[in-house]
Amino acid sequence: MIKASSRDIIKNLNEVNEAVVPLFNQTAEALIAIHGNDAKKALCVTLAYLSGHYKEMLENRSLLTGQEKCITIEMKMNKPFYGVSVVWSILKKFLPTNITDQIYGMRAYKDLTGAVFDIRDEDIERFEDIFNHLRDE
């Protein structure tokens, strides 16, 4: 959710008229000073505030079921497939059993060009490492 909000902020920043930017110089300098002259931290704090997710750390939550500590993954295919068994086969081929046993809620796209499913947030880093490595080969 926070990543999506951040993407929206970045997209909307493209609409800022360059003529209004100098009006915020003093505020920007003050923010950077407040954060120990760390411009990156000042920007991160500002983005957190703009996103509306700044009071407490949010738990990951499934987009499919709303269950906490789960992340919804989208897997797209180059061509249509015949059922989610194809997606399961791919997952089981490359992921360890302790991860695939915890994947649930799989749903195929209507046009069968992809699927979504939930994975525990504790498994997401390993999942991404494996599939990013495969993509880079």
N, C-alpha and C. Protein backbone atom coordinates (compact mmCIF):
# COMPACT_ATOMS: atom_id res chain seq x y z
N MET A 1 0.82 -1.18 0.00
CA MET A 1 0.00 0.00 0.00
C MET A 1 0.88 1.26 0.00
N ILE A 2 1.92 1.24 0.84
CA ILE A 2 2.81 2.39 0.90
C ILE A 2 3.56 2.56 -0.41
N LYS A 3 3.99 1.45 -1.02
CA LYS A 3 4.68 1.54 -2.31
C LYS A 3 3.77 2.15 -3.36
N ALA A 4 2.51 1.75 -3.36
CA ALA A 4 1.56 2.29 -4.34
C ALA A 4 1.34 3.77 -4.10
N SER A 5 1.23 4.15 -2.85
CA SER A 5 1.06 5.56 -2.50
C SER A 5 2.27 6.36 -2.94
N SER A 6 3.46 5.80 -2.75
CA SER A 6 4.70 6.48 -3.16
C SER A 6 4.74 6.66 -4.67
N ARG A 7 4.31 5.63 -5.40
CA ARG A 7 4.28 5.74 -6.87
C ARG A 7 3.33 6.86 -7.30
N ASP A 8 2.19 6.97 -6.61
CA ASP A 8 1.23 8.02 -6.93
C ASP A 8 1.83 9.40 -6.68
N ILE A 9 2.55 9.53 -5.56
CA ILE A 9 3.18 10.81 -5.24
C ILE A 9 4.17 11.17 -6.33
N ILE A 10 5.02 10.23 -6.73
CA ILE A 10 6.02 10.50 -7.77
C ILE A 10 5.34 10.91 -9.07
N LYS A 11 4.27 10.19 -9.43
CA LYS A 11 3.55 10.52 -10.66
C LYS A 11 2.98 11.94 -10.57
N ASN A 12 2.43 12.30 -9.42
CA ASN A 12 1.84 13.63 -9.27
C ASN A 12 2.89 14.73 -9.22
N LEU A 13 4.10 14.41 -8.77
CA LEU A 13 5.16 15.42 -8.72
C LEU A 13 5.52 15.93 -10.11
N ASN A 14 5.28 15.13 -11.11
CA ASN A 14 5.54 15.56 -12.49
C ASN A 14 4.64 16.72 -12.91
N GLU A 15 3.56 16.93 -12.16
CA GLU A 15 2.61 17.98 -12.49
C GLU A 15 2.95 19.31 -11.83
N VAL A 16 3.97 19.33 -10.96
CA VAL A 16 4.34 20.56 -10.25
C VAL A 16 4.96 21.54 -11.24
N ASN A 17 4.41 22.72 -11.26
CA ASN A 17 4.91 23.79 -12.12
C ASN A 17 6.24 24.30 -11.54
N GLU A 18 7.26 24.35 -12.39
CA GLU A 18 8.60 24.77 -11.96
C GLU A 18 8.58 26.16 -11.31
N ALA A 19 7.66 27.01 -11.70
CA ALA A 19 7.60 28.37 -11.17
C ALA A 19 7.27 28.42 -9.68
N VAL A 20 6.58 27.40 -9.15
CA VAL A 20 6.22 27.42 -7.73
C VAL A 20 7.29 26.80 -6.84
N VAL A 21 8.23 26.08 -7.41
CA VAL A 21 9.26 25.38 -6.62
C VAL A 21 10.05 26.34 -5.72
N PRO A 22 10.50 27.50 -6.20
CA PRO A 22 11.27 28.40 -5.34
C PRO A 22 10.51 28.88 -4.10
N LEU A 23 9.19 28.85 -4.14
CA LEU A 23 8.38 29.26 -2.98
C LEU A 23 8.61 28.35 -1.77
N PHE A 24 9.16 27.17 -1.99
CA PHE A 24 9.36 26.20 -0.91
C PHE A 24 10.82 26.06 -0.48
N ASN A 25 11.69 26.93 -0.99
CA ASN A 25 13.11 26.85 -0.63
C ASN A 25 13.35 26.95 0.87
N GLN A 26 12.74 27.95 1.52
CA GLN A 26 12.95 28.13 2.96
C GLN A 26 12.45 26.93 3.75
N THR A 27 11.30 26.42 3.38
CA THR A 27 10.74 25.26 4.07
C THR A 27 11.63 24.04 3.88
N ALA A 28 12.12 23.86 2.67
CA ALA A 28 13.00 22.72 2.39
C ALA A 28 14.28 22.83 3.21
N GLU A 29 14.87 24.03 3.26
CA GLU A 29 16.09 24.22 4.05
C GLU A 29 15.84 23.97 5.53
N ALA A 30 14.68 24.41 6.02
CA ALA A 30 14.34 24.19 7.43
C ALA A 30 14.18 22.70 7.72
N LEU A 31 13.50 21.98 6.82
CA LEU A 31 13.32 20.54 7.00
C LEU A 31 14.64 19.80 7.03
N ILE A 32 15.52 20.17 6.12
CA ILE A 32 16.84 19.53 6.06
C ILE A 32 17.61 19.82 7.35
N ALA A 33 17.55 21.05 7.83
CA ALA A 33 18.24 21.42 9.08
C ALA A 33 17.67 20.65 10.27
N ILE A 34 16.36 20.53 10.33
CA ILE A 34 15.71 19.79 11.43
C ILE A 34 16.20 18.35 11.48
N HIS A 35 16.50 17.79 10.32
CA HIS A 35 16.93 16.39 10.23
C HIS A 35 18.44 16.26 10.10
N GLY A 36 19.14 17.17 10.77
CA GLY A 36 20.60 17.07 10.86
C GLY A 36 21.30 17.21 9.53
N ASN A 37 20.77 18.04 8.67
CA ASN A 37 21.32 18.26 7.32
C ASN A 37 21.31 17.01 6.45
N ASP A 38 20.44 16.07 6.79
CA ASP A 38 20.28 14.85 5.99
C ASP A 38 19.09 15.05 5.05
N ALA A 39 19.40 15.47 3.82
CA ALA A 39 18.34 15.79 2.85
C ALA A 39 17.48 14.56 2.53
N LYS A 40 18.12 13.39 2.45
CA LYS A 40 17.36 12.18 2.13
C LYS A 40 16.35 11.87 3.23
N LYS A 41 16.77 11.99 4.49
CA LYS A 41 15.84 11.73 5.60
C LYS A 41 14.70 12.74 5.59
N ALA A 42 15.02 14.01 5.35
CA ALA A 42 13.98 15.04 5.29
C ALA A 42 12.97 14.72 4.19
N LEU A 43 13.46 14.27 3.04
CA LEU A 43 12.57 13.90 1.95
C LEU A 43 11.72 12.69 2.31
N CYS A 44 12.33 11.69 2.93
CA CYS A 44 11.59 10.48 3.33
C CYS A 44 10.49 10.81 4.33
N VAL A 45 10.80 11.65 5.31
CA VAL A 45 9.81 12.06 6.30
C VAL A 45 8.66 12.78 5.61
N THR A 46 8.98 13.66 4.68
CA THR A 46 7.96 14.40 3.95
C THR A 46 7.08 13.46 3.12
N LEU A 47 7.70 12.52 2.44
CA LEU A 47 6.93 11.56 1.64
C LEU A 47 6.04 10.69 2.52
N ALA A 48 6.54 10.29 3.68
CA ALA A 48 5.72 9.50 4.61
C ALA A 48 4.49 10.29 5.02
N TYR A 49 4.70 11.54 5.34
CA TYR A 49 3.58 12.39 5.73
C TYR A 49 2.58 12.56 4.59
N LEU A 50 3.09 12.83 3.40
CA LEU A 50 2.21 13.01 2.24
C LEU A 50 1.42 11.75 1.91
N SER A 51 2.03 10.58 2.17
CA SER A 51 1.34 9.32 1.86
C SER A 51 0.21 9.03 2.84
N GLY A 52 0.26 9.68 4.00
CA GLY A 52 -0.75 9.42 5.04
C GLY A 52 -0.37 8.27 5.95
N HIS A 53 0.80 7.68 5.75
CA HIS A 53 1.25 6.54 6.56
C HIS A 53 2.46 6.96 7.38
N TYR A 54 2.21 7.77 8.39
CA TYR A 54 3.34 8.31 9.12
C TYR A 54 3.27 8.16 10.63
N LYS A 55 2.15 7.74 11.17
CA LYS A 55 2.03 7.66 12.63
C LYS A 55 2.58 6.38 13.21
N GLU A 56 2.45 5.30 12.48
CA GLU A 56 2.96 4.02 12.97
C GLU A 56 3.28 3.13 11.78
N MET A 57 4.14 2.16 12.03
CA MET A 57 4.51 1.22 10.98
C MET A 57 3.31 0.33 10.69
N LEU A 58 2.95 0.23 9.43
CA LEU A 58 1.82 -0.61 9.05
C LEU A 58 2.28 -2.04 8.83
N GLU A 59 1.45 -2.96 9.22
CA GLU A 59 1.70 -4.37 8.92
C GLU A 59 1.39 -4.60 7.46
N ASN A 60 2.15 -5.50 6.85
CA ASN A 60 1.80 -5.91 5.49
C ASN A 60 0.43 -6.56 5.54
N ARG A 61 -0.34 -6.36 4.48
CA ARG A 61 -1.70 -6.87 4.45
C ARG A 61 -2.03 -7.35 3.04
N SER A 62 -2.65 -8.51 2.96
CA SER A 62 -3.07 -9.07 1.68
C SER A 62 -4.07 -8.16 0.98
N LEU A 63 -3.88 -7.96 -0.31
CA LEU A 63 -4.86 -7.22 -1.10
C LEU A 63 -6.05 -8.10 -1.45
N LEU A 64 -5.87 -9.42 -1.37
CA LEU A 64 -6.96 -10.35 -1.69
C LEU A 64 -7.91 -10.54 -0.52
N THR A 65 -7.35 -10.73 0.67
CA THR A 65 -8.17 -11.08 1.83
C THR A 65 -8.11 -10.08 2.96
N GLY A 66 -7.13 -9.18 2.93
CA GLY A 66 -6.95 -8.23 4.02
C GLY A 66 -6.20 -8.81 5.20
N GLN A 67 -5.75 -10.05 5.09
CA GLN A 67 -5.06 -10.70 6.19
C GLN A 67 -3.70 -10.04 6.44
N GLU A 68 -3.42 -9.77 7.71
CA GLU A 68 -2.15 -9.15 8.07
C GLU A 68 -1.00 -10.13 7.88
N LYS A 69 0.18 -9.55 7.71
CA LYS A 69 1.43 -10.29 7.54
C LYS A 69 1.44 -11.17 6.29
N CYS A 70 0.66 -10.75 5.29
CA CYS A 70 0.64 -11.43 3.99
C CYS A 70 0.81 -10.38 2.90
N ILE A 71 1.37 -10.81 1.80
CA ILE A 71 1.58 -9.93 0.66
C ILE A 71 0.98 -10.61 -0.56
N THR A 72 0.26 -9.85 -1.36
CA THR A 72 -0.32 -10.39 -2.58
C THR A 72 0.70 -10.22 -3.71
N ILE A 73 0.96 -11.32 -4.38
CA ILE A 73 1.91 -11.36 -5.49
C ILE A 73 1.13 -11.47 -6.80
N GLU A 74 1.61 -10.78 -7.81
CA GLU A 74 1.04 -10.87 -9.15
C GLU A 74 2.08 -11.54 -10.04
N MET A 75 1.67 -12.61 -10.71
CA MET A 75 2.57 -13.31 -11.62
C MET A 75 1.95 -13.25 -13.01
N LYS A 76 2.68 -12.61 -13.93
CA LYS A 76 2.19 -12.47 -15.31
C LYS A 76 2.92 -13.45 -16.21
N MET A 77 2.21 -13.93 -17.20
CA MET A 77 2.77 -14.88 -18.16
C MET A 77 2.86 -14.22 -19.54
N ASN A 78 3.75 -14.72 -20.37
CA ASN A 78 3.90 -14.20 -21.73
C ASN A 78 2.75 -14.61 -22.64
N LYS A 79 2.13 -15.73 -22.33
CA LYS A 79 1.00 -16.19 -23.13
C LYS A 79 -0.02 -16.85 -22.20
N PRO A 80 -1.27 -16.92 -22.62
CA PRO A 80 -2.31 -17.51 -21.77
C PRO A 80 -2.00 -18.97 -21.40
N PHE A 81 -2.46 -19.36 -20.23
CA PHE A 81 -2.29 -20.73 -19.77
C PHE A 81 -3.68 -21.32 -19.52
N TYR A 82 -3.72 -22.59 -19.19
CA TYR A 82 -5.02 -23.28 -19.10
C TYR A 82 -5.61 -23.34 -17.70
N GLY A 83 -4.83 -23.06 -16.69
CA GLY A 83 -5.34 -23.08 -15.34
C GLY A 83 -4.23 -22.77 -14.35
N VAL A 84 -4.62 -22.56 -13.10
CA VAL A 84 -3.63 -22.18 -12.09
C VAL A 84 -2.63 -23.30 -11.80
N SER A 85 -2.91 -24.50 -12.27
CA SER A 85 -1.95 -25.59 -12.07
C SER A 85 -0.62 -25.28 -12.73
N VAL A 86 -0.64 -24.50 -13.82
CA VAL A 86 0.59 -24.09 -14.49
C VAL A 86 1.41 -23.18 -13.56
N VAL A 87 0.73 -22.25 -12.91
CA VAL A 87 1.41 -21.34 -11.98
C VAL A 87 1.96 -22.14 -10.80
N TRP A 88 1.14 -23.05 -10.27
CA TRP A 88 1.61 -23.89 -9.16
C TRP A 88 2.85 -24.69 -9.57
N SER A 89 2.86 -25.20 -10.78
CA SER A 89 4.02 -25.97 -11.25
C SER A 89 5.28 -25.12 -11.26
N ILE A 90 5.15 -23.89 -11.72
CA ILE A 90 6.31 -22.99 -11.75
C ILE A 90 6.79 -22.70 -10.33
N LEU A 91 5.86 -22.39 -9.45
CA LEU A 91 6.22 -22.08 -8.07
C LEU A 91 6.90 -23.27 -7.39
N LYS A 92 6.34 -24.45 -7.59
CA LYS A 92 6.89 -25.64 -6.94
C LYS A 92 8.24 -26.04 -7.54
N LYS A 93 8.47 -25.68 -8.79
CA LYS A 93 9.73 -26.01 -9.42
C LYS A 93 10.88 -25.18 -8.83
N PHE A 94 10.61 -23.91 -8.51
CA PHE A 94 11.68 -23.01 -8.12
C PHE A 94 11.72 -22.64 -6.63
N LEU A 95 10.62 -22.80 -5.94
CA LEU A 95 10.58 -22.40 -4.53
C LEU A 95 10.68 -23.59 -3.60
N PRO A 96 11.26 -23.38 -2.42
CA PRO A 96 11.29 -24.47 -1.45
C PRO A 96 9.87 -24.78 -0.94
N THR A 97 9.68 -25.99 -0.51
CA THR A 97 8.37 -26.46 -0.05
C THR A 97 7.82 -25.62 1.09
N ASN A 98 8.70 -25.18 2.00
CA ASN A 98 8.20 -24.40 3.13
C ASN A 98 7.57 -23.07 2.70
N ILE A 99 7.90 -22.60 1.50
CA ILE A 99 7.25 -21.39 0.97
C ILE A 99 5.98 -21.77 0.20
N THR A 100 6.08 -22.74 -0.69
CA THR A 100 4.89 -23.10 -1.51
C THR A 100 3.75 -23.63 -0.64
N ASP A 101 4.08 -24.28 0.46
CA ASP A 101 3.03 -24.79 1.35
C ASP A 101 2.25 -23.66 2.02
N GLN A 102 2.81 -22.47 2.03
CA GLN A 102 2.16 -21.33 2.68
C GLN A 102 1.54 -20.35 1.69
N ILE A 103 1.54 -20.68 0.40
CA ILE A 103 0.90 -19.84 -0.61
C ILE A 103 -0.57 -20.22 -0.69
N TYR A 104 -1.44 -19.23 -0.70
CA TYR A 104 -2.87 -19.54 -0.77
C TYR A 104 -3.64 -18.43 -1.47
N GLY A 105 -4.89 -18.72 -1.76
CA GLY A 105 -5.79 -17.75 -2.37
C GLY A 105 -5.52 -17.48 -3.84
N MET A 106 -4.88 -18.42 -4.53
CA MET A 106 -4.51 -18.16 -5.93
C MET A 106 -5.75 -18.01 -6.80
N ARG A 107 -5.70 -16.96 -7.62
CA ARG A 107 -6.77 -16.70 -8.57
C ARG A 107 -6.14 -16.32 -9.91
N ALA A 108 -6.64 -16.90 -10.97
CA ALA A 108 -6.14 -16.59 -12.32
C ALA A 108 -6.86 -15.36 -12.84
N TYR A 109 -6.18 -14.62 -13.70
CA TYR A 109 -6.83 -13.52 -14.41
C TYR A 109 -7.91 -14.11 -15.31
N LYS A 110 -8.89 -13.33 -15.59
CA LYS A 110 -9.97 -13.79 -16.45
C LYS A 110 -9.44 -14.22 -17.82
N ASP A 111 -8.43 -13.49 -18.34
CA ASP A 111 -7.88 -13.82 -19.65
C ASP A 111 -6.76 -14.88 -19.58
N LEU A 112 -6.51 -15.41 -18.38
CA LEU A 112 -5.51 -16.45 -18.14
C LEU A 112 -4.09 -16.07 -18.58
N THR A 113 -3.75 -14.80 -18.40
CA THR A 113 -2.39 -14.35 -18.69
C THR A 113 -1.60 -14.09 -17.41
N GLY A 114 -2.18 -14.43 -16.28
CA GLY A 114 -1.50 -14.22 -15.02
C GLY A 114 -2.35 -14.70 -13.86
N ALA A 115 -1.77 -14.57 -12.68
CA ALA A 115 -2.47 -14.99 -11.47
C ALA A 115 -2.00 -14.13 -10.30
N VAL A 116 -2.81 -14.09 -9.27
CA VAL A 116 -2.43 -13.44 -8.02
C VAL A 116 -2.59 -14.46 -6.90
N PHE A 117 -1.77 -14.30 -5.86
CA PHE A 117 -1.84 -15.19 -4.72
C PHE A 117 -1.17 -14.51 -3.54
N ASP A 118 -1.42 -15.03 -2.36
CA ASP A 118 -0.84 -14.48 -1.15
C ASP A 118 0.33 -15.32 -0.68
N ILE A 119 1.31 -14.61 -0.12
CA ILE A 119 2.49 -15.24 0.44
C ILE A 119 2.75 -14.56 1.79
N ARG A 120 3.30 -15.29 2.74
CA ARG A 120 3.61 -14.70 4.04
C ARG A 120 4.69 -13.63 3.86
N ASP A 121 4.56 -12.54 4.60
CA ASP A 121 5.55 -11.47 4.43
C ASP A 121 6.95 -11.92 4.82
N GLU A 122 7.07 -12.91 5.69
CA GLU A 122 8.40 -13.40 6.07
C GLU A 122 9.08 -14.16 4.94
N ASP A 123 8.32 -14.57 3.92
CA ASP A 123 8.87 -15.32 2.79
C ASP A 123 9.13 -14.45 1.56
N ILE A 124 8.71 -13.20 1.59
CA ILE A 124 8.77 -12.38 0.38
C ILE A 124 10.19 -12.13 -0.10
N GLU A 125 11.11 -11.91 0.81
CA GLU A 125 12.49 -11.62 0.39
C GLU A 125 13.09 -12.81 -0.35
N ARG A 126 12.91 -14.00 0.19
CA ARG A 126 13.42 -15.21 -0.46
C ARG A 126 12.74 -15.42 -1.81
N PHE A 127 11.42 -15.22 -1.87
CA PHE A 127 10.66 -15.34 -3.11
C PHE A 127 11.23 -14.40 -4.17
N GLU A 128 11.40 -13.14 -3.81
CA GLU A 128 11.92 -12.16 -4.77
C GLU A 128 13.34 -12.48 -5.19
N ASP A 129 14.17 -12.90 -4.26
CA ASP A 129 15.55 -13.27 -4.60
C ASP A 129 15.58 -14.37 -5.65
N ILE A 130 14.76 -15.39 -5.45
CA ILE A 130 14.75 -16.53 -6.38
C ILE A 130 14.28 -16.10 -7.76
N PHE A 131 13.16 -15.37 -7.82
CA PHE A 131 12.61 -15.02 -9.14
C PHE A 131 13.39 -13.91 -9.81
N ASN A 132 13.99 -13.01 -9.05
CA ASN A 132 14.86 -11.99 -9.66
C ASN A 132 16.09 -12.63 -10.25
N HIS A 133 16.64 -13.63 -9.56
CA HIS A 133 17.81 -14.36 -10.07
C HIS A 133 17.45 -15.09 -11.38
N LEU A 134 16.28 -15.71 -11.42
CA LEU A 134 15.85 -16.42 -12.63
C LEU A 134 15.63 -15.45 -13.79
N ARG A 135 15.07 -14.27 -13.49
CA ARG A 135 14.83 -13.28 -14.53
C ARG A 135 16.13 -12.76 -15.13
N ASP A 136 17.15 -12.63 -14.28
CA ASP A 136 18.45 -12.08 -14.72
C ASP A 136 19.28 -13.08 -15.52
N GLU A 137 18.92 -14.35 -15.49
CA GLU A 137 19.71 -15.35 -16.22
C GLU A 137 19.44 -15.32 -17.70
